[in-house]
Amino acid sequence: MGGSYLVRPTPASVLREHQSVIDAPPERVFAALVEAVDPGPESNLAVDDAAGLIVVQGGWWYRAEYLVVADAAGTRIRFTLLNVAQPAHWAGPLTGRAAIRSSARDFGEVVALVRAGTAS
């Protein structure tokens, strides 16, 4: 798990943001979220337990950040999809248009997995 990926590179452009609240403690949500978003060996996963941050970075433009924070209703997950392309930064959103379009649905699927993973 590459700690160097915890630092957001520059340039980085926010493409989409989504959030959801889950009725479970932050520690359980964080553990279930790590399990739900771990992409396996084809991408880079970095986890900062203390900050509640999970980063998935893959390809030349893609970066997903998940932030887990306590909320009055349980735990809030904030998802940010970023373009971190270094050369040809302008081309990241063009290349990633399918991922950008499906980000809300994909995030909803992750939230469903986390809810299932934290059910009592």
PDB file of N, CA and C in Angstrom:
ATOM      1  N   MET A   1       0.848  -1.171   0.000  1.00  0.00           N
ATOM      2  CA  MET A   1       0.000   0.000   0.000  1.00  0.00           C
ATOM      3  C   MET A   1       0.889   1.228   0.000  1.00  0.00           C
ATOM      4  N   GLY A   2       0.927   1.920  -1.116  1.00  0.00           N
ATOM      5  CA  GLY A   2       1.844   3.033  -1.310  1.00  0.00           C
ATOM      6  C   GLY A   2       1.441   4.289  -0.590  1.00  0.00           C
ATOM      7  N   GLY A   3       2.175   4.619   0.455  1.00  0.00           N
ATOM      8  CA  GLY A   3       1.921   5.843   1.199  1.00  0.00           C
ATOM      9  C   GLY A   3       2.142   7.091   0.370  1.00  0.00           C
ATOM     10  N   SER A   4       2.984   6.998  -0.660  1.00  0.00           N
ATOM     11  CA  SER A   4       3.228   8.173  -1.495  1.00  0.00           C
ATOM     12  C   SER A   4       1.963   8.605  -2.230  1.00  0.00           C
ATOM     13  N   TYR A   5       1.036   7.697  -2.415  1.00  0.00           N
ATOM     14  CA  TYR A   5      -0.212   8.042  -3.092  1.00  0.00           C
ATOM     15  C   TYR A   5      -1.170   8.835  -2.202  1.00  0.00           C
ATOM     16  N   LEU A   6      -0.880   8.946  -0.918  1.00  0.00           N
ATOM     17  CA  LEU A   6      -1.742   9.727  -0.040  1.00  0.00           C
ATOM     18  C   LEU A   6      -1.630  11.221  -0.318  1.00  0.00           C
ATOM     19  N   VAL A   7      -0.518  11.648  -0.881  1.00  0.00           N
ATOM     20  CA  VAL A   7      -0.326  13.050  -1.221  1.00  0.00           C
ATOM     21  C   VAL A   7      -0.913  13.288  -2.605  1.00  0.00           C
ATOM     22  N   ARG A   8      -1.859  14.226  -2.691  1.00  0.00           N
ATOM     23  CA  ARG A   8      -2.496  14.522  -3.972  1.00  0.00           C
ATOM     24  C   ARG A   8      -1.492  15.203  -4.895  1.00  0.00           C
ATOM     25  N   PRO A   9      -1.286  14.640  -6.097  1.00  0.00           N
ATOM     26  CA  PRO A   9      -0.339  15.258  -7.025  1.00  0.00           C
ATOM     27  C   PRO A   9      -0.913  16.537  -7.638  1.00  0.00           C
ATOM     28  N   THR A  10      -0.036  17.321  -8.215  1.00  0.00           N
ATOM     29  CA  THR A  10      -0.482  18.492  -8.966  1.00  0.00           C
ATOM     30  C   THR A  10       0.045  18.368 -10.381  1.00  0.00           C
ATOM     31  N   PRO A  11      -0.730  18.690 -11.373  1.00  0.00           N
ATOM     32  CA  PRO A  11      -2.080  19.205 -11.243  1.00  0.00           C
ATOM     33  C   PRO A  11      -3.073  18.104 -10.877  1.00  0.00           C
ATOM     34  N   ALA A  12      -4.165  18.523 -10.257  1.00  0.00           N
ATOM     35  CA  ALA A  12      -5.269  17.622  -9.932  1.00  0.00           C
ATOM     36  C   ALA A  12      -6.561  18.419 -10.074  1.00  0.00           C
ATOM     37  N   SER A  13      -7.450  17.929 -10.898  1.00  0.00           N
ATOM     38  CA  SER A  13      -8.723  18.603 -11.126  1.00  0.00           C
ATOM     39  C   SER A  13      -9.862  17.718 -10.645  1.00  0.00           C
ATOM     40  N   VAL A  14     -10.749  18.290  -9.839  1.00  0.00           N
ATOM     41  CA  VAL A  14     -11.917  17.545  -9.372  1.00  0.00           C
ATOM     42  C   VAL A  14     -12.890  17.400 -10.541  1.00  0.00           C
ATOM     43  N   LEU A  15     -13.277  16.148 -10.796  1.00  0.00           N
ATOM     44  CA  LEU A  15     -14.217  15.850 -11.882  1.00  0.00           C
ATOM     45  C   LEU A  15     -15.629  15.591 -11.358  1.00  0.00           C
ATOM     46  N   ARG A  16     -15.728  14.911 -10.232  1.00  0.00           N
ATOM     47  CA  ARG A  16     -17.029  14.618  -9.612  1.00  0.00           C
ATOM     48  C   ARG A  16     -16.828  14.449  -8.109  1.00  0.00           C
ATOM     49  N   GLU A  17     -17.892  14.771  -7.357  1.00  0.00           N
ATOM     50  CA  GLU A  17     -17.908  14.526  -5.910  1.00  0.00           C
ATOM     51  C   GLU A  17     -19.270  13.967  -5.538  1.00  0.00           C
ATOM     52  N   HIS A  18     -19.253  12.980  -4.649  1.00  0.00           N
ATOM     53  CA  HIS A  18     -20.483  12.358  -4.160  1.00  0.00           C
ATOM     54  C   HIS A  18     -20.293  12.082  -2.676  1.00  0.00           C
ATOM     55  N   GLN A  19     -21.402  11.980  -1.944  1.00  0.00           N
ATOM     56  CA  GLN A  19     -21.304  11.620  -0.535  1.00  0.00           C
ATOM     57  C   GLN A  19     -22.556  10.883  -0.091  1.00  0.00           C
ATOM     58  N   SER A  20     -22.393  10.148   0.985  1.00  0.00           N
ATOM     59  CA  SER A  20     -23.493   9.382   1.542  1.00  0.00           C
ATOM     60  C   SER A  20     -23.235   9.187   3.031  1.00  0.00           C
ATOM     61  N   VAL A  21     -24.315   9.024   3.786  1.00  0.00           N
ATOM     62  CA  VAL A  21     -24.210   8.775   5.221  1.00  0.00           C
ATOM     63  C   VAL A  21     -24.682   7.356   5.500  1.00  0.00           C
ATOM     64  N   ILE A  22     -23.910   6.667   6.332  1.00  0.00           N
ATOM     65  CA  ILE A  22     -24.218   5.287   6.708  1.00  0.00           C
ATOM     66  C   ILE A  22     -24.390   5.238   8.216  1.00  0.00           C
ATOM     67  N   ASP A  23     -25.427   4.570   8.664  1.00  0.00           N
ATOM     68  CA  ASP A  23     -25.733   4.463  10.092  1.00  0.00           C
ATOM     69  C   ASP A  23     -24.887   3.356  10.719  1.00  0.00           C
ATOM     70  N   ALA A  24     -23.619   3.665  10.923  1.00  0.00           N
ATOM     71  CA  ALA A  24     -22.668   2.735  11.546  1.00  0.00           C
ATOM     72  C   ALA A  24     -21.476   3.557  12.022  1.00  0.00           C
ATOM     73  N   PRO A  25     -20.708   3.041  12.973  1.00  0.00           N
ATOM     74  CA  PRO A  25     -19.544   3.767  13.474  1.00  0.00           C
ATOM     75  C   PRO A  25     -18.448   3.915  12.419  1.00  0.00           C
ATOM     76  N   PRO A  26     -17.684   5.008  12.467  1.00  0.00           N
ATOM     77  CA  PRO A  26     -16.643   5.261  11.467  1.00  0.00           C
ATOM     78  C   PRO A  26     -15.647   4.115  11.292  1.00  0.00           C
ATOM     79  N   GLU A  27     -15.258   3.453  12.372  1.00  0.00           N
ATOM     80  CA  GLU A  27     -14.262   2.380  12.261  1.00  0.00           C
ATOM     81  C   GLU A  27     -14.788   1.231  11.410  1.00  0.00           C
ATOM     82  N   ARG A  28     -16.061   0.869  11.606  1.00  0.00           N
ATOM     83  CA  ARG A  28     -16.653  -0.224  10.817  1.00  0.00           C
ATOM     84  C   ARG A  28     -16.838   0.189   9.367  1.00  0.00           C
ATOM     85  N   VAL A  29     -17.269   1.430   9.162  1.00  0.00           N
ATOM     86  CA  VAL A  29     -17.459   1.925   7.798  1.00  0.00           C
ATOM     87  C   VAL A  29     -16.118   1.949   7.066  1.00  0.00           C
ATOM     88  N   PHE A  30     -15.079   2.441   7.725  1.00  0.00           N
ATOM     89  CA  PHE A  30     -13.759   2.535   7.105  1.00  0.00           C
ATOM     90  C   PHE A  30     -13.248   1.149   6.699  1.00  0.00           C
ATOM     91  N   ALA A  31     -13.351   0.187   7.591  1.00  0.00           N
ATOM     92  CA  ALA A  31     -12.889  -1.172   7.288  1.00  0.00           C
ATOM     93  C   ALA A  31     -13.667  -1.766   6.112  1.00  0.00           C
ATOM     94  N   ALA A  32     -14.981  -1.592   6.110  1.00  0.00           N
ATOM     95  CA  ALA A  32     -15.799  -2.123   5.015  1.00  0.00           C
ATOM     96  C   ALA A  32     -15.501  -1.394   3.708  1.00  0.00           C
ATOM     97  N   LEU A  33     -15.213  -0.107   3.790  1.00  0.00           N
ATOM     98  CA  LEU A  33     -14.907   0.680   2.592  1.00  0.00           C
ATOM     99  C   LEU A  33     -13.581   0.252   1.975  1.00  0.00           C
ATOM    100  N   VAL A  34     -12.571   0.021   2.808  1.00  0.00           N
ATOM    101  CA  VAL A  34     -11.281  -0.458   2.285  1.00  0.00           C
ATOM    102  C   VAL A  34     -11.495  -1.752   1.512  1.00  0.00           C
ATOM    103  N   GLU A  35     -12.271  -2.648   2.079  1.00  0.00           N
ATOM    104  CA  GLU A  35     -12.544  -3.918   1.416  1.00  0.00           C
ATOM    105  C   GLU A  35     -13.300  -3.721   0.107  1.00  0.00           C
ATOM    106  N   ALA A  36     -14.255  -2.787   0.103  1.00  0.00           N
ATOM    107  CA  ALA A  36     -15.101  -2.570  -1.069  1.00  0.00           C
ATOM    108  C   ALA A  36     -14.365  -1.917  -2.235  1.00  0.00           C
ATOM    109  N   VAL A  37     -13.372  -1.082  -1.952  1.00  0.00           N
ATOM    110  CA  VAL A  37     -12.729  -0.322  -3.039  1.00  0.00           C
ATOM    111  C   VAL A  37     -11.351  -0.843  -3.423  1.00  0.00           C
ATOM    112  N   ASP A  38     -10.839  -1.843  -2.726  1.00  0.00           N
ATOM    113  CA  ASP A  38      -9.513  -2.363  -3.056  1.00  0.00           C
ATOM    114  C   ASP A  38      -9.541  -2.928  -4.477  1.00  0.00           C
ATOM    115  N   PRO A  39      -8.808  -2.293  -5.404  1.00  0.00           N
ATOM    116  CA  PRO A  39      -8.875  -2.702  -6.810  1.00  0.00           C
ATOM    117  C   PRO A  39      -8.001  -3.892  -7.158  1.00  0.00           C
ATOM    118  N   GLY A  40      -7.230  -4.376  -6.219  1.00  0.00           N
ATOM    119  CA  GLY A  40      -6.323  -5.462  -6.530  1.00  0.00           C
ATOM    120  C   GLY A  40      -5.026  -4.921  -7.112  1.00  0.00           C
ATOM    121  N   PRO A  41      -4.246  -5.781  -7.732  1.00  0.00           N
ATOM    122  CA  PRO A  41      -2.893  -5.398  -8.138  1.00  0.00           C
ATOM    123  C   PRO A  41      -2.806  -4.431  -9.317  1.00  0.00           C
ATOM    124  N   GLU A  42      -3.898  -4.219 -10.065  1.00  0.00           N
ATOM    125  CA  GLU A  42      -3.790  -3.379 -11.248  1.00  0.00           C
ATOM    126  C   GLU A  42      -3.774  -1.877 -10.946  1.00  0.00           C
ATOM    127  N   SER A  43      -4.098  -1.486  -9.745  1.00  0.00           N
ATOM    128  CA  SER A  43      -4.093  -0.077  -9.352  1.00  0.00           C
ATOM    129  C   SER A  43      -3.334   0.068  -8.045  1.00  0.00           C
ATOM    130  N   ASN A  44      -3.189   1.286  -7.623  1.00  0.00           N
ATOM    131  CA  ASN A  44      -2.485   1.578  -6.380  1.00  0.00           C
ATOM    132  C   ASN A  44      -3.479   2.010  -5.315  1.00  0.00           C
ATOM    133  N   LEU A  45      -3.404   1.367  -4.178  1.00  0.00           N
ATOM    134  CA  LEU A  45      -4.272   1.667  -3.040  1.00  0.00           C
ATOM    135  C   LEU A  45      -3.404   2.180  -1.911  1.00  0.00           C
ATOM    136  N   ALA A  46      -3.826   3.293  -1.315  1.00  0.00           N
ATOM    137  CA  ALA A  46      -3.144   3.837  -0.143  1.00  0.00           C
ATOM    138  C   ALA A  46      -4.200   4.110   0.919  1.00  0.00           C
ATOM    139  N   VAL A  47      -3.866   3.795   2.156  1.00  0.00           N
ATOM    140  CA  VAL A  47      -4.813   3.918   3.259  1.00  0.00           C
ATOM    141  C   VAL A  47      -4.160   4.669   4.402  1.00  0.00           C
ATOM    142  N   ASP A  48      -4.851   5.688   4.909  1.00  0.00           N
ATOM    143  CA  ASP A  48      -4.419   6.421   6.099  1.00  0.00           C
ATOM    144  C   ASP A  48      -5.534   6.292   7.122  1.00  0.00           C
ATOM    145  N   ASP A  49      -5.389   5.311   8.024  1.00  0.00           N
ATOM    146  CA  ASP A  49      -6.425   5.048   9.035  1.00  0.00           C
ATOM    147  C   ASP A  49      -6.705   6.280   9.885  1.00  0.00           C
ATOM    148  N   ALA A  50      -5.663   6.957  10.335  1.00  0.00           N
ATOM    149  CA  ALA A  50      -5.817   8.097  11.233  1.00  0.00           C
ATOM    150  C   ALA A  50      -6.607   9.237  10.583  1.00  0.00           C
ATOM    151  N   ALA A  51      -6.385   9.455   9.301  1.00  0.00           N
ATOM    152  CA  ALA A  51      -7.076  10.538   8.595  1.00  0.00           C
ATOM    153  C   ALA A  51      -8.413  10.082   8.013  1.00  0.00           C
ATOM    154  N   GLY A  52      -8.676   8.779   8.017  1.00  0.00           N
ATOM    155  CA  GLY A  52      -9.898   8.261   7.416  1.00  0.00           C
ATOM    156  C   GLY A  52      -9.895   8.393   5.903  1.00  0.00           C
ATOM    157  N   LEU A  53      -8.719   8.291   5.302  1.00  0.00           N
ATOM    158  CA  LEU A  53      -8.553   8.522   3.866  1.00  0.00           C
ATOM    159  C   LEU A  53      -8.132   7.243   3.147  1.00  0.00           C
ATOM    160  N   ILE A  54      -8.794   6.986   2.030  1.00  0.00           N
ATOM    161  CA  ILE A  54      -8.447   5.882   1.139  1.00  0.00           C
ATOM    162  C   ILE A  54      -8.263   6.475  -0.247  1.00  0.00           C
ATOM    163  N   VAL A  55      -7.158   6.129  -0.899  1.00  0.00           N
ATOM    164  CA  VAL A  55      -6.877   6.624  -2.242  1.00  0.00           C
ATOM    165  C   VAL A  55      -6.677   5.432  -3.167  1.00  0.00           C
ATOM    166  N   VAL A  56      -7.353   5.475  -4.311  1.00  0.00           N
ATOM    167  CA  VAL A  56      -7.152   4.502  -5.374  1.00  0.00           C
ATOM    168  C   VAL A  56      -6.671   5.288  -6.585  1.00  0.00           C
ATOM    169  N   GLN A  57      -5.502   4.946  -7.079  1.00  0.00           N
ATOM    170  CA  GLN A  57      -4.959   5.654  -8.231  1.00  0.00           C
ATOM    171  C   GLN A  57      -4.554   4.631  -9.272  1.00  0.00           C
ATOM    172  N   GLY A  58      -4.998   4.853 -10.508  1.00  0.00           N
ATOM    173  CA  GLY A  58      -4.687   3.908 -11.560  1.00  0.00           C
ATOM    174  C   GLY A  58      -4.639   4.575 -12.915  1.00  0.00           C
ATOM    175  N   GLY A  59      -3.988   3.925 -13.835  1.00  0.00           N
ATOM    176  CA  GLY A  59      -3.847   4.518 -15.150  1.00  0.00           C
ATOM    177  C   GLY A  59      -3.039   5.792 -15.081  1.00  0.00           C
ATOM    178  N   TRP A  60      -3.181   6.621 -16.049  1.00  0.00           N
ATOM    179  CA  TRP A  60      -2.378   7.851 -16.095  1.00  0.00           C
ATOM    180  C   TRP A  60      -3.154   9.082 -15.655  1.00  0.00           C
ATOM    181  N   TRP A  61      -4.475   8.962 -15.495  1.00  0.00           N
ATOM    182  CA  TRP A  61      -5.256  10.143 -15.145  1.00  0.00           C
ATOM    183  C   TRP A  61      -6.128   9.945 -13.897  1.00  0.00           C
ATOM    184  N   TYR A  62      -6.439   8.720 -13.519  1.00  0.00           N
ATOM    185  CA  TYR A  62      -7.494   8.399 -12.544  1.00  0.00           C
ATOM    186  C   TYR A  62      -7.008   8.436 -11.103  1.00  0.00           C
ATOM    187  N   ARG A  63      -7.768   9.127 -10.262  1.00  0.00           N
ATOM    188  CA  ARG A  63      -7.536   9.105  -8.822  1.00  0.00           C
ATOM    189  C   ARG A  63      -8.894   9.224  -8.134  1.00  0.00           C
ATOM    190  N   ALA A  64      -9.155   8.316  -7.206  1.00  0.00           N
ATOM    191  CA  ALA A  64     -10.373   8.354  -6.398  1.00  0.00           C
ATOM    192  C   ALA A  64      -9.966   8.505  -4.937  1.00  0.00           C
ATOM    193  N   GLU A  65     -10.568   9.464  -4.253  1.00  0.00           N
ATOM    194  CA  GLU A  65     -10.317   9.674  -2.833  1.00  0.00           C
ATOM    195  C   GLU A  65     -11.611   9.451  -2.070  1.00  0.00           C
ATOM    196  N   TYR A  66     -11.526   8.660  -1.027  1.00  0.00           N
ATOM    197  CA  TYR A  66     -12.661   8.403  -0.131  1.00  0.00           C
ATOM    198  C   TYR A  66     -12.270   8.914   1.244  1.00  0.00           C
ATOM    199  N   LEU A  67     -13.078   9.783   1.800  1.00  0.00           N
ATOM    200  CA  LEU A  67     -12.829  10.318   3.133  1.00  0.00           C
ATOM    201  C   LEU A  67     -13.977   9.898   4.034  1.00  0.00           C
ATOM    202  N   VAL A  68     -13.652   9.304   5.173  1.00  0.00           N
ATOM    203  CA  VAL A  68     -14.644   8.828   6.130  1.00  0.00           C
ATOM    204  C   VAL A  68     -14.596   9.743   7.350  1.00  0.00           C
ATOM    205  N   VAL A  69     -15.750  10.355   7.670  1.00  0.00           N
ATOM    206  CA  VAL A  69     -15.825  11.267   8.820  1.00  0.00           C
ATOM    207  C   VAL A  69     -17.075  10.969   9.634  1.00  0.00           C
ATOM    208  N   ALA A  70     -16.967  11.203  10.939  1.00  0.00           N
ATOM    209  CA  ALA A  70     -18.123  11.020  11.817  1.00  0.00           C
ATOM    210  C   ALA A  70     -19.207  12.022  11.429  1.00  0.00           C
ATOM    211  N   ASP A  71     -20.452  11.600  11.575  1.00  0.00           N
ATOM    212  CA  ASP A  71     -21.606  12.424  11.251  1.00  0.00           C
ATOM    213  C   ASP A  71     -22.656  12.184  12.330  1.00  0.00           C
ATOM    214  N   ALA A  72     -23.504  13.158  12.561  1.00  0.00           N
ATOM    215  CA  ALA A  72     -24.542  13.005  13.587  1.00  0.00           C
ATOM    216  C   ALA A  72     -25.423  11.776  13.321  1.00  0.00           C
ATOM    217  N   ALA A  73     -25.559  11.391  12.058  1.00  0.00           N
ATOM    218  CA  ALA A  73     -26.391  10.242  11.695  1.00  0.00           C
ATOM    219  C   ALA A  73     -25.581   8.956  11.546  1.00  0.00           C
ATOM    220  N   GLY A  74     -24.293   8.988  11.869  1.00  0.00           N
ATOM    221  CA  GLY A  74     -23.449   7.800  11.740  1.00  0.00           C
ATOM    222  C   GLY A  74     -22.094   8.159  11.184  1.00  0.00           C
ATOM    223  N   THR A  75     -21.874   7.849   9.907  1.00  0.00           N
ATOM    224  CA  THR A  75     -20.600   8.120   9.249  1.00  0.00           C
ATOM    225  C   THR A  75     -20.851   8.613   7.837  1.00  0.00           C
ATOM    226  N   ARG A  76     -20.163   9.663   7.475  1.00  0.00           N
ATOM    227  CA  ARG A  76     -20.263  10.217   6.124  1.00  0.00           C
ATOM    228  C   ARG A  76     -19.059   9.752   5.300  1.00  0.00           C
ATOM    229  N   ILE A  77     -19.343   9.284   4.086  1.00  0.00           N
ATOM    230  CA  ILE A  77     -18.304   8.949   3.119  1.00  0.00           C
ATOM    231  C   ILE A  77     -18.343  10.031   2.041  1.00  0.00           C
ATOM    232  N   ARG A  78     -17.213  10.677   1.847  1.00  0.00           N
ATOM    233  CA  ARG A  78     -17.085  11.666   0.765  1.00  0.00           C
ATOM    234  C   ARG A  78     -16.183  11.073  -0.310  1.00  0.00           C
ATOM    235  N   PHE A  79     -16.663  11.079  -1.522  1.00  0.00           N
ATOM    236  CA  PHE A  79     -15.920  10.530  -2.662  1.00  0.00           C
ATOM    237  C   PHE A  79     -15.567  11.660  -3.615  1.00  0.00           C
ATOM    238  N   THR A  80     -14.310  11.708  -4.029  1.00  0.00           N
ATOM    239  CA  THR A  80     -13.857  12.696  -5.001  1.00  0.00           C
ATOM    240  C   THR A  80     -13.131  11.973  -6.123  1.00  0.00           C
ATOM    241  N   LEU A  81     -13.571  12.204  -7.355  1.00  0.00           N
ATOM    242  CA  LEU A  81     -12.927  11.661  -8.549  1.00  0.00           C
ATOM    243  C   LEU A  81     -12.086  12.773  -9.155  1.00  0.00           C
ATOM    244  N   LEU A  82     -10.796  12.484  -9.370  1.00  0.00           N
ATOM    245  CA  LEU A  82      -9.868  13.507  -9.848  1.00  0.00           C
ATOM    246  C   LEU A  82      -9.156  13.096 -11.124  1.00  0.00           C
ATOM    247  N   ASN A  83      -8.801  14.103 -11.897  1.00  0.00           N
ATOM    248  CA  ASN A  83      -7.905  13.947 -13.034  1.00  0.00           C
ATOM    249  C   ASN A  83      -6.524  14.359 -12.555  1.00  0.00           C
ATOM    250  N   VAL A  84      -5.590  13.421 -12.550  1.00  0.00           N
ATOM    251  CA  VAL A  84      -4.216  13.719 -12.104  1.00  0.00           C
ATOM    252  C   VAL A  84      -3.207  13.508 -13.230  1.00  0.00           C
ATOM    253  N   ALA A  85      -3.679  13.574 -14.460  1.00  0.00           N
ATOM    254  CA  ALA A  85      -2.780  13.398 -15.602  1.00  0.00           C
ATOM    255  C   ALA A  85      -1.688  14.451 -15.545  1.00  0.00           C
ATOM    256  N   GLN A  86      -0.454  14.012 -15.651  1.00  0.00           N
ATOM    257  CA  GLN A  86       0.671  14.940 -15.628  1.00  0.00           C
ATOM    258  C   GLN A  86       0.930  15.508 -17.022  1.00  0.00           C
ATOM    259  N   PRO A  87       1.293  14.683 -17.985  1.00  0.00           N
ATOM    260  CA  PRO A  87       1.344  15.246 -19.333  1.00  0.00           C
ATOM    261  C   PRO A  87      -0.078  15.256 -19.887  1.00  0.00           C
ATOM    262  N   ALA A  88      -0.385  16.196 -20.699  1.00  0.00           N
ATOM    263  CA  ALA A  88      -1.702  16.290 -21.359  1.00  0.00           C
ATOM    264  C   ALA A  88      -2.845  16.244 -20.348  1.00  0.00           C
ATOM    265  N   HIS A  89      -2.765  17.082 -19.327  1.00  0.00           N
ATOM    266  CA  HIS A  89      -3.800  17.128 -18.293  1.00  0.00           C
ATOM    267  C   HIS A  89      -5.186  17.327 -18.910  1.00  0.00           C
ATOM    268  N   TRP A  90      -5.251  18.088 -19.954  1.00  0.00           N
ATOM    269  CA  TRP A  90      -6.517  18.371 -20.633  1.00  0.00           C
ATOM    270  C   TRP A  90      -7.189  17.104 -21.156  1.00  0.00           C
ATOM    271  N   ALA A  91      -6.417  16.050 -21.425  1.00  0.00           N
ATOM    272  CA  ALA A  91      -6.969  14.847 -22.025  1.00  0.00           C
ATOM    273  C   ALA A  91      -7.570  13.873 -21.009  1.00  0.00           C
ATOM    274  N   GLY A  92      -7.281  14.052 -19.719  1.00  0.00           N
ATOM    275  CA  GLY A  92      -7.814  13.151 -18.700  1.00  0.00           C
ATOM    276  C   GLY A  92      -9.324  13.027 -18.737  1.00  0.00           C
ATOM    277  N   PRO A  93     -10.069  14.153 -18.715  1.00  0.00           N
ATOM    278  CA  PRO A  93     -11.529  14.045 -18.753  1.00  0.00           C
ATOM    279  C   PRO A  93     -12.071  13.437 -20.043  1.00  0.00           C
ATOM    280  N   LEU A  94     -11.375  13.615 -21.126  1.00  0.00           N
ATOM    281  CA  LEU A  94     -11.819  12.991 -22.381  1.00  0.00           C
ATOM    282  C   LEU A  94     -11.643  11.482 -22.315  1.00  0.00           C
ATOM    283  N   THR A  95     -10.491  11.057 -21.861  1.00  0.00           N
ATOM    284  CA  THR A  95     -10.211   9.630 -21.736  1.00  0.00           C
ATOM    285  C   THR A  95     -11.134   8.982 -20.707  1.00  0.00           C
ATOM    286  N   GLY A  96     -11.404   9.697 -19.630  1.00  0.00           N
ATOM    287  CA  GLY A  96     -12.179   9.131 -18.535  1.00  0.00           C
ATOM    288  C   GLY A  96     -13.656   9.437 -18.560  1.00  0.00           C
ATOM    289  N   ARG A  97     -14.195   9.850 -19.691  1.00  0.00           N
ATOM    290  CA  ARG A  97     -15.597  10.286 -19.710  1.00  0.00           C
ATOM    291  C   ARG A  97     -16.566   9.194 -19.275  1.00  0.00           C
ATOM    292  N   ALA A  98     -16.289   7.939 -19.579  1.00  0.00           N
ATOM    293  CA  ALA A  98     -17.188   6.864 -19.146  1.00  0.00           C
ATOM    294  C   ALA A  98     -17.154   6.724 -17.621  1.00  0.00           C
ATOM    295  N   ALA A  99     -15.960   6.793 -17.028  1.00  0.00           N
ATOM    296  CA  ALA A  99     -15.842   6.712 -15.565  1.00  0.00           C
ATOM    297  C   ALA A  99     -16.496   7.914 -14.896  1.00  0.00           C
ATOM    298  N   ILE A 100     -16.388   9.061 -15.519  1.00  0.00           N
ATOM    299  CA  ILE A 100     -17.016  10.269 -14.971  1.00  0.00           C
ATOM    300  C   ILE A 100     -18.533  10.117 -15.007  1.00  0.00           C
ATOM    301  N   ARG A 101     -19.067   9.681 -16.149  1.00  0.00           N
ATOM    302  CA  ARG A 101     -20.519   9.511 -16.288  1.00  0.00           C
ATOM    303  C   ARG A 101     -21.067   8.491 -15.302  1.00  0.00           C
ATOM    304  N   SER A 102     -20.319   7.419 -15.056  1.00  0.00           N
ATOM    305  CA  SER A 102     -20.830   6.338 -14.195  1.00  0.00           C
ATOM    306  C   SER A 102     -20.461   6.527 -12.721  1.00  0.00           C
ATOM    307  N   SER A 103     -19.821   7.627 -12.373  1.00  0.00           N
ATOM    308  CA  SER A 103     -19.313   7.789 -11.003  1.00  0.00           C
ATOM    309  C   SER A 103     -20.405   7.746  -9.944  1.00  0.00           C
ATOM    310  N   ALA A 104     -21.562   8.348 -10.195  1.00  0.00           N
ATOM    311  CA  ALA A 104     -22.640   8.327  -9.197  1.00  0.00           C
ATOM    312  C   ALA A 104     -23.146   6.896  -8.990  1.00  0.00           C
ATOM    313  N   ARG A 105     -23.357   6.178 -10.084  1.00  0.00           N
ATOM    314  CA  ARG A 105     -23.812   4.780  -9.983  1.00  0.00           C
ATOM    315  C   ARG A 105     -22.758   3.913  -9.299  1.00  0.00           C
ATOM    316  N   ASP A 106     -21.506   4.084  -9.701  1.00  0.00           N
ATOM    317  CA  ASP A 106     -20.422   3.296  -9.108  1.00  0.00           C
ATOM    318  C   ASP A 106     -20.288   3.577  -7.613  1.00  0.00           C
ATOM    319  N   PHE A 107     -20.391   4.849  -7.235  1.00  0.00           N
ATOM    320  CA  PHE A 107     -20.324   5.200  -5.814  1.00  0.00           C
ATOM    321  C   PHE A 107     -21.504   4.581  -5.064  1.00  0.00           C
ATOM    322  N   GLY A 108     -22.678   4.602  -5.671  1.00  0.00           N
ATOM    323  CA  GLY A 108     -23.851   3.964  -5.053  1.00  0.00           C
ATOM    324  C   GLY A 108     -23.634   2.482  -4.799  1.00  0.00           C
ATOM    325  N   GLU A 109     -22.957   1.813  -5.726  1.00  0.00           N
ATOM    326  CA  GLU A 109     -22.656   0.389  -5.550  1.00  0.00           C
ATOM    327  C   GLU A 109     -21.668   0.177  -4.404  1.00  0.00           C
ATOM    328  N   VAL A 110     -20.686   1.059  -4.290  1.00  0.00           N
ATOM    329  CA  VAL A 110     -19.729   0.970  -3.172  1.00  0.00           C
ATOM    330  C   VAL A 110     -20.461   1.186  -1.851  1.00  0.00           C
ATOM    331  N   VAL A 111     -21.333   2.170  -1.802  1.00  0.00           N
ATOM    332  CA  VAL A 111     -22.094   2.445  -0.576  1.00  0.00           C
ATOM    333  C   VAL A 111     -22.944   1.235  -0.195  1.00  0.00           C
ATOM    334  N   ALA A 112     -23.555   0.598  -1.175  1.00  0.00           N
ATOM    335  CA  ALA A 112     -24.355  -0.604  -0.888  1.00  0.00           C
ATOM    336  C   ALA A 112     -23.493  -1.714  -0.302  1.00  0.00           C
ATOM    337  N   LEU A 113     -22.287  -1.896  -0.832  1.00  0.00           N
ATOM    338  CA  LEU A 113     -21.379  -2.908  -0.284  1.00  0.00           C
ATOM    339  C   LEU A 113     -20.974  -2.546   1.154  1.00  0.00           C
ATOM    340  N   VAL A 114     -20.699  -1.286   1.400  1.00  0.00           N
ATOM    341  CA  VAL A 114     -20.312  -0.857   2.747  1.00  0.00           C
ATOM    342  C   VAL A 114     -21.476  -1.063   3.706  1.00  0.00           C
ATOM    343  N   ARG A 115     -22.677  -0.708   3.297  1.00  0.00           N
ATOM    344  CA  ARG A 115     -23.856  -0.912   4.161  1.00  0.00           C
ATOM    345  C   ARG A 115     -24.006  -2.390   4.498  1.00  0.00           C
ATOM    346  N   ALA A 116     -23.849  -3.247   3.510  1.00  0.00           N
ATOM    347  CA  ALA A 116     -23.946  -4.689   3.751  1.00  0.00           C
ATOM    348  C   ALA A 116     -22.828  -5.157   4.675  1.00  0.00           C
ATOM    349  N   GLY A 117     -21.645  -4.588   4.520  1.00  0.00           N
ATOM    350  CA  GLY A 117     -20.501  -4.975   5.343  1.00  0.00           C
ATOM    351  C   GLY A 117     -20.547  -4.461   6.779  1.00  0.00           C
ATOM    352  N   THR A 118     -21.426  -3.486   7.026  1.00  0.00           N
ATOM    353  CA  THR A 118     -21.511  -2.936   8.385  1.00  0.00           C
ATOM    354  C   THR A 118     -22.827  -3.300   9.077  1.00  0.00           C
ATOM    355  N   ALA A 119     -23.671  -4.071   8.390  1.00  0.00           N
ATOM    356  CA  ALA A 119     -24.950  -4.457   8.984  1.00  0.00           C
ATOM    357  C   ALA A 119     -24.711  -5.298  10.232  1.00  0.00           C
ATOM    358  N   SER A 120     -25.474  -5.019  11.241  1.00  0.00           N
ATOM    359  CA  SER A 120     -25.309  -5.748  12.519  1.00  0.00           C
ATOM    360  C   SER A 120     -25.932  -7.103  12.473  1.00  0.00           C
TER     361      SER A 120
END
